[in-house]
C-alpha atoms as a PDB file:
ATOM      1  CA  UNK A   1       0.000   0.000   0.000  1.00  0.00           C
ATOM      2  CA  UNK A   2       2.889   2.336   0.816  1.00  0.00           C
ATOM      3  CA  UNK A   3       4.367   1.748  -2.654  1.00  0.00           C
ATOM      4  CA  UNK A   4       1.072   2.646  -4.350  1.00  0.00           C
ATOM      5  CA  UNK A   5       0.768   5.832  -2.268  1.00  0.00           C
ATOM      6  CA  UNK A   6       4.352   6.826  -3.099  1.00  0.00           C
ATOM      7  CA  UNK A   7       3.737   6.101  -6.797  1.00  0.00           C
ATOM      8  CA  UNK A   8       0.585   8.230  -6.786  1.00  0.00           C
ATOM      9  CA  UNK A   9       2.297  11.122  -4.968  1.00  0.00           C
ATOM     10  CA  UNK A  10       5.316  10.945  -7.295  1.00  0.00           C
ATOM     11  CA  UNK A  11       3.051  10.926 -10.358  1.00  0.00           C
ATOM     12  CA  UNK A  12       1.101  13.931  -9.062  1.00  0.00           C
ATOM     13  CA  UNK A  13       4.333  15.811  -8.289  1.00  0.00           C
ATOM     14  CA  UNK A  14       5.695  15.096 -11.774  1.00  0.00           C
ATOM     15  CA  UNK A  15       2.450  16.236 -13.394  1.00  0.00           C
ATOM     16  CA  UNK A  16       2.484  19.461 -11.369  1.00  0.00           C
ATOM     17  CA  UNK A  17       6.100  20.039 -12.364  1.00  0.00           C
ATOM     18  CA  UNK A  18       5.299  19.396 -16.035  1.00  0.00           C
ATOM     19  CA  UNK A  19       2.485  21.939 -15.908  1.00  0.00           C
ATOM     20  CA  UNK A  20       4.569  24.510 -14.004  1.00  0.00           C
ATOM     21  CA  UNK A  21       7.714  24.311 -16.154  1.00  0.00           C
ATOM     22  CA  UNK A  22       6.357  26.057 -19.259  1.00  0.00           C
ATOM     23  CA  UNK A  23       5.078  28.987 -17.176  1.00  0.00           C
ATOM     24  CA  UNK A  24       7.775  31.333 -18.490  1.00  0.00           C
ATOM     25  CA  UNK A  25       6.835  30.392 -22.057  1.00  0.00           C
ATOM     26  CA  UNK A  26       3.146  31.280 -21.714  1.00  0.00           C
ATOM     27  CA  UNK A  27       1.176  32.028 -24.856  1.00  0.00           C
ATOM     28  CA  UNK A  28      -0.514  35.413 -25.059  1.00  0.00           C
ATOM     29  CA  UNK A  29      -3.650  35.208 -27.176  1.00  0.00           C
ATOM     30  CA  UNK A  30      -4.352  38.281 -29.273  1.00  0.00           C
ATOM     31  CA  UNK A  31      -6.886  39.261 -31.895  1.00  0.00           C
ATOM     32  CA  UNK A  32      -6.383  41.818 -34.646  1.00  0.00           C
ATOM     33  CA  UNK A  33      -9.060  42.891 -37.132  1.00  0.00           C
ATOM     34  CA  UNK A  34      -8.285  45.328 -39.948  1.00  0.00           C
ATOM     35  CA  UNK A  35      -9.414  46.316 -43.436  1.00  0.00           C
ATOM     36  CA  UNK A  36      -7.403  46.980 -46.568  1.00  0.00           C
ATOM     37  CA  UNK A  37      -9.168  49.242 -49.071  1.00  0.00           C
ATOM     38  CA  UNK A  38      -9.221  48.658 -52.805  1.00  0.00           C
ATOM     39  CA  UNK A  39      -6.893  51.639 -53.416  1.00  0.00           C
ATOM     40  CA  UNK A  40      -4.183  49.871 -51.358  1.00  0.00           C
ATOM     41  CA  UNK A  41      -4.617  46.551 -53.164  1.00  0.00           C
ATOM     42  CA  UNK A  42      -3.390  45.533 -56.577  1.00  0.00           C
ATOM     43  CA  UNK A  43      -3.296  42.333 -58.603  1.00  0.00           C
ATOM     44  CA  UNK A  44       0.437  41.998 -59.235  1.00  0.00           C
ATOM     45  CA  UNK A  45      -0.167  39.038 -61.557  1.00  0.00           C
ATOM     46  CA  UNK A  46      -3.017  36.820 -62.628  1.00  0.00           C
ATOM     47  CA  UNK A  47      -3.309  34.163 -65.285  1.00  0.00           C
ATOM     48  CA  UNK A  48      -6.666  32.743 -66.277  1.00  0.00           C
ATOM     49  CA  UNK A  49      -7.316  29.624 -68.323  1.00  0.00           C
ATOM     50  CA  UNK A  50     -10.737  28.584 -69.614  1.00  0.00           C
ATOM     51  CA  UNK A  51     -11.344  24.955 -68.666  1.00  0.00           C
ATOM     52  CA  UNK A  52     -13.689  24.356 -71.622  1.00  0.00           C
ATOM     53  CA  UNK A  53     -16.184  22.007 -70.018  1.00  0.00           C
ATOM     54  CA  UNK A  54     -18.917  24.585 -69.280  1.00  0.00           C
ATOM     55  CA  UNK A  55     -19.224  28.271 -70.018  1.00  0.00           C
ATOM     56  CA  UNK A  56     -17.485  30.467 -67.435  1.00  0.00           C
ATOM     57  CA  UNK A  57     -15.360  27.707 -65.850  1.00  0.00           C
ATOM     58  CA  UNK A  58     -11.829  29.014 -65.286  1.00  0.00           C
ATOM     59  CA  UNK A  59      -8.764  28.169 -63.282  1.00  0.00           C
ATOM     60  CA  UNK A  60      -6.674  31.131 -62.241  1.00  0.00           C
ATOM     61  CA  UNK A  61      -3.273  31.704 -60.703  1.00  0.00           C
ATOM     62  CA  UNK A  62      -3.085  35.054 -58.913  1.00  0.00           C
ATOM     63  CA  UNK A  63      -0.836  37.277 -56.830  1.00  0.00           C
ATOM     64  CA  UNK A  64      -2.180  40.235 -54.855  1.00  0.00           C
ATOM     65  CA  UNK A  65      -0.093  42.920 -53.123  1.00  0.00           C
ATOM     66  CA  UNK A  66      -1.512  45.035 -50.319  1.00  0.00           C
ATOM     67  CA  UNK A  67       0.148  48.061 -48.729  1.00  0.00           C
ATOM     68  CA  UNK A  68      -0.563  49.755 -45.422  1.00  0.00           C
ATOM     69  CA  UNK A  69       0.257  53.467 -45.864  1.00  0.00           C
ATOM     70  CA  UNK A  70      -1.737  54.635 -42.837  1.00  0.00           C
ATOM     71  CA  UNK A  71      -3.200  53.024 -39.725  1.00  0.00           C
ATOM     72  CA  UNK A  72      -0.996  49.981 -40.254  1.00  0.00           C
ATOM     73  CA  UNK A  73      -1.948  46.947 -38.177  1.00  0.00           C
ATOM     74  CA  UNK A  74       0.592  45.992 -35.501  1.00  0.00           C
ATOM     75  CA  UNK A  75       1.895  42.551 -34.485  1.00  0.00           C
ATOM     76  CA  UNK A  76       5.272  43.062 -32.778  1.00  0.00           C
ATOM     77  CA  UNK A  77       5.734  45.914 -35.262  1.00  0.00           C
ATOM     78  CA  UNK A  78       3.802  47.542 -38.089  1.00  0.00           C
ATOM     79  CA  UNK A  79       2.727  45.493 -41.081  1.00  0.00           C
ATOM     80  CA  UNK A  80       3.919  47.390 -44.175  1.00  0.00           C
ATOM     81  CA  UNK A  81       2.770  45.040 -46.918  1.00  0.00           C
ATOM     82  CA  UNK A  82       1.218  41.665 -47.534  1.00  0.00           C
ATOM     83  CA  UNK A  83       1.101  39.274 -50.456  1.00  0.00           C
ATOM     84  CA  UNK A  84      -1.578  36.736 -51.277  1.00  0.00           C
ATOM     85  CA  UNK A  85      -0.831  34.052 -53.837  1.00  0.00           C
ATOM     86  CA  UNK A  86      -3.291  31.403 -54.845  1.00  0.00           C
ATOM     87  CA  UNK A  87      -5.087  29.184 -57.291  1.00  0.00           C
ATOM     88  CA  UNK A  88      -8.832  29.423 -57.898  1.00  0.00           C
ATOM     89  CA  UNK A  89     -11.288  27.124 -59.649  1.00  0.00           C
ATOM     90  CA  UNK A  90     -14.368  29.222 -60.407  1.00  0.00           C
ATOM     91  CA  UNK A  91     -17.400  28.900 -62.630  1.00  0.00           C
ATOM     92  CA  UNK A  92     -18.773  32.410 -63.156  1.00  0.00           C
ATOM     93  CA  UNK A  93     -16.847  33.560 -60.033  1.00  0.00           C
ATOM     94  CA  UNK A  94     -18.368  30.817 -57.865  1.00  0.00           C
ATOM     95  CA  UNK A  95     -16.104  28.144 -56.488  1.00  0.00           C
ATOM     96  CA  UNK A  96     -13.110  27.468 -54.342  1.00  0.00           C
ATOM     97  CA  UNK A  97      -9.484  28.452 -54.036  1.00  0.00           C
ATOM     98  CA  UNK A  98      -6.359  27.872 -51.996  1.00  0.00           C
ATOM     99  CA  UNK A  99      -4.337  30.905 -50.941  1.00  0.00           C
ATOM    100  CA  UNK A 100      -1.029  31.576 -49.221  1.00  0.00           C
ATOM    101  CA  UNK A 101      -0.332  34.844 -47.415  1.00  0.00           C
ATOM    102  CA  UNK A 102       2.908  36.579 -46.484  1.00  0.00           C
ATOM    103  CA  UNK A 103       2.700  39.552 -44.107  1.00  0.00           C
ATOM    104  CA  UNK A 104       5.836  41.726 -43.949  1.00  0.00           C
ATOM    105  CA  UNK A 105       6.662  43.933 -40.943  1.00  0.00           C
ATOM    106  CA  UNK A 106       8.688  47.148 -41.121  1.00  0.00           C
ATOM    107  CA  UNK A 107      11.720  45.398 -39.556  1.00  0.00           C
ATOM    108  CA  UNK A 108      11.615  42.606 -42.176  1.00  0.00           C
ATOM    109  CA  UNK A 109      10.019  39.947 -39.957  1.00  0.00           C
ATOM    110  CA  UNK A 110       7.279  37.956 -41.685  1.00  0.00           C
ATOM    111  CA  UNK A 111       4.468  35.584 -40.872  1.00  0.00           C
ATOM    112  CA  UNK A 112       2.688  33.184 -43.177  1.00  0.00           C
ATOM    113  CA  UNK A 113      -0.878  31.952 -43.651  1.00  0.00           C
ATOM    114  CA  UNK A 114      -2.589  29.274 -45.683  1.00  0.00           C
ATOM    115  CA  UNK A 115      -6.298  29.468 -46.432  1.00  0.00           C
ATOM    116  CA  UNK A 116      -9.170  27.653 -48.049  1.00  0.00           C
ATOM    117  CA  UNK A 117     -11.523  30.000 -49.820  1.00  0.00           C
ATOM    118  CA  UNK A 118     -15.126  29.850 -51.003  1.00  0.00           C
ATOM    119  CA  UNK A 119     -16.283  32.443 -53.517  1.00  0.00           C
ATOM    120  CA  UNK A 120     -19.876  33.341 -54.311  1.00  0.00           C
ATOM    121  CA  UNK A 121     -21.193  35.769 -56.905  1.00  0.00           C
ATOM    122  CA  UNK A 122     -24.842  36.621 -57.146  1.00  0.00           C
ATOM    123  CA  UNK A 123     -25.826  36.576 -60.853  1.00  0.00           C
ATOM    124  CA  UNK A 124     -27.070  40.197 -60.603  1.00  0.00           C
ATOM    125  CA  UNK A 125     -23.879  41.462 -58.918  1.00  0.00           C
ATOM    126  CA  UNK A 126     -20.646  42.524 -60.589  1.00  0.00           C
ATOM    127  CA  UNK A 127     -18.444  41.663 -57.573  1.00  0.00           C
ATOM    128  CA  UNK A 128     -17.807  38.385 -55.845  1.00  0.00           C
ATOM    129  CA  UNK A 129     -17.603  37.758 -52.109  1.00  0.00           C
ATOM    130  CA  UNK A 130     -15.012  35.318 -50.801  1.00  0.00           C
ATOM    131  CA  UNK A 131     -14.513  33.930 -47.318  1.00  0.00           C
ATOM    132  CA  UNK A 132     -11.151  32.438 -46.399  1.00  0.00           C
ATOM    133  CA  UNK A 133     -10.061  30.594 -43.276  1.00  0.00           C
ATOM    134  CA  UNK A 134      -6.854  28.794 -42.396  1.00  0.00           C
ATOM    135  CA  UNK A 135      -3.886  28.578 -40.064  1.00  0.00           C
ATOM    136  CA  UNK A 136      -1.012  30.931 -39.474  1.00  0.00           C
ATOM    137  CA  UNK A 137       1.744  28.526 -40.507  1.00  0.00           C
ATOM    138  CA  UNK A 138       4.835  30.224 -39.058  1.00  0.00           C
ATOM    139  CA  UNK A 139       7.031  33.273 -39.128  1.00  0.00           C
ATOM    140  CA  UNK A 140      10.531  34.711 -39.041  1.00  0.00           C
ATOM    141  CA  UNK A 141      12.473  36.783 -36.515  1.00  0.00           C
ATOM    142  CA  UNK A 142      10.412  37.733 -33.466  1.00  0.00           C
ATOM    143  CA  UNK A 143       7.425  36.022 -35.112  1.00  0.00           C
ATOM    144  CA  UNK A 144       9.224  32.681 -35.603  1.00  0.00           C
ATOM    145  CA  UNK A 145       6.930  30.929 -33.120  1.00  0.00           C
ATOM    146  CA  UNK A 146       3.617  32.631 -34.005  1.00  0.00           C
ATOM    147  CA  UNK A 147       0.567  30.406 -34.051  1.00  0.00           C
ATOM    148  CA  UNK A 148      -3.100  30.988 -34.812  1.00  0.00           C
ATOM    149  CA  UNK A 149      -5.861  31.354 -37.377  1.00  0.00           C
ATOM    150  CA  UNK A 150      -6.521  33.834 -40.157  1.00  0.00           C
ATOM    151  CA  UNK A 151      -9.952  34.646 -41.527  1.00  0.00           C
ATOM    152  CA  UNK A 152     -10.714  37.038 -44.343  1.00  0.00           C
ATOM    153  CA  UNK A 153     -13.786  38.428 -46.017  1.00  0.00           C
ATOM    154  CA  UNK A 154     -13.038  39.772 -49.490  1.00  0.00           C
ATOM    155  CA  UNK A 155     -15.047  41.699 -52.065  1.00  0.00           C
ATOM    156  CA  UNK A 156     -13.424  41.514 -55.486  1.00  0.00           C
ATOM    157  CA  UNK A 157     -13.796  41.805 -59.215  1.00  0.00           C
ATOM    158  CA  UNK A 158     -10.840  40.022 -60.856  1.00  0.00           C
ATOM    159  CA  UNK A 159     -11.763  41.423 -64.281  1.00  0.00           C
ATOM    160  CA  UNK A 160     -11.517  45.061 -63.160  1.00  0.00           C
ATOM    161  CA  UNK A 161      -8.776  44.486 -60.561  1.00  0.00           C
ATOM    162  CA  UNK A 162     -10.894  45.686 -57.629  1.00  0.00           C
ATOM    163  CA  UNK A 163     -10.138  43.858 -54.373  1.00  0.00           C
ATOM    164  CA  UNK A 164     -10.730  44.859 -50.756  1.00  0.00           C
ATOM    165  CA  UNK A 165     -10.452  42.703 -47.680  1.00  0.00           C
ATOM    166  CA  UNK A 166     -11.198  42.527 -43.980  1.00  0.00           C
ATOM    167  CA  UNK A 167      -8.653  40.420 -42.094  1.00  0.00           C
ATOM    168  CA  UNK A 168      -9.316  38.803 -38.720  1.00  0.00           C
ATOM    169  CA  UNK A 169      -6.213  37.301 -37.090  1.00  0.00           C
ATOM    170  CA  UNK A 170      -6.374  35.338 -33.867  1.00  0.00           C
ATOM    171  CA  UNK A 171      -2.825  34.532 -32.830  1.00  0.00           C
ATOM    172  CA  UNK A 172      -0.570  33.445 -30.004  1.00  0.00           C
ATOM    173  CA  UNK A 173       3.024  34.484 -29.397  1.00  0.00           C
ATOM    174  CA  UNK A 174       5.251  32.852 -26.787  1.00  0.00           C
ATOM    175  CA  UNK A 175       6.362  35.380 -24.181  1.00  0.00           C
END
């Protein structure tokens, strides 16, 4: 009986120690929501190919650059630009896409996102609405250990080059 009691007390002590050890590496959860207007967004490149099976079905490779000239969002420094690169599979601007984001801070640090996107265009509307969600996949410099989720809500018209986005980042940084 004494052995079992000692084993239980040792196990409890080890569990308490395991929980207490990472205390100086606590994660601070933050949330940042910001918008990027169409005038600060530009399609750097896009290539569209008609699939040919039904009218309006296209695959597209795209690259979007966003700048933050005023009211720049801050994560351990100001974000000065971001890039979104992706591949879409739309029929009349309805469909899905995969995107990859790179956010660049003024000191050169970066963090990266990956998202799955669903795009919907009402037949009467000229713009599409896209919702993206996915993980923050890593970073560099002071953001090397960033973790979290990125969500975006985009209004766009790939034909005219109009694109504006609201970004919602929920992230954790080790202290």
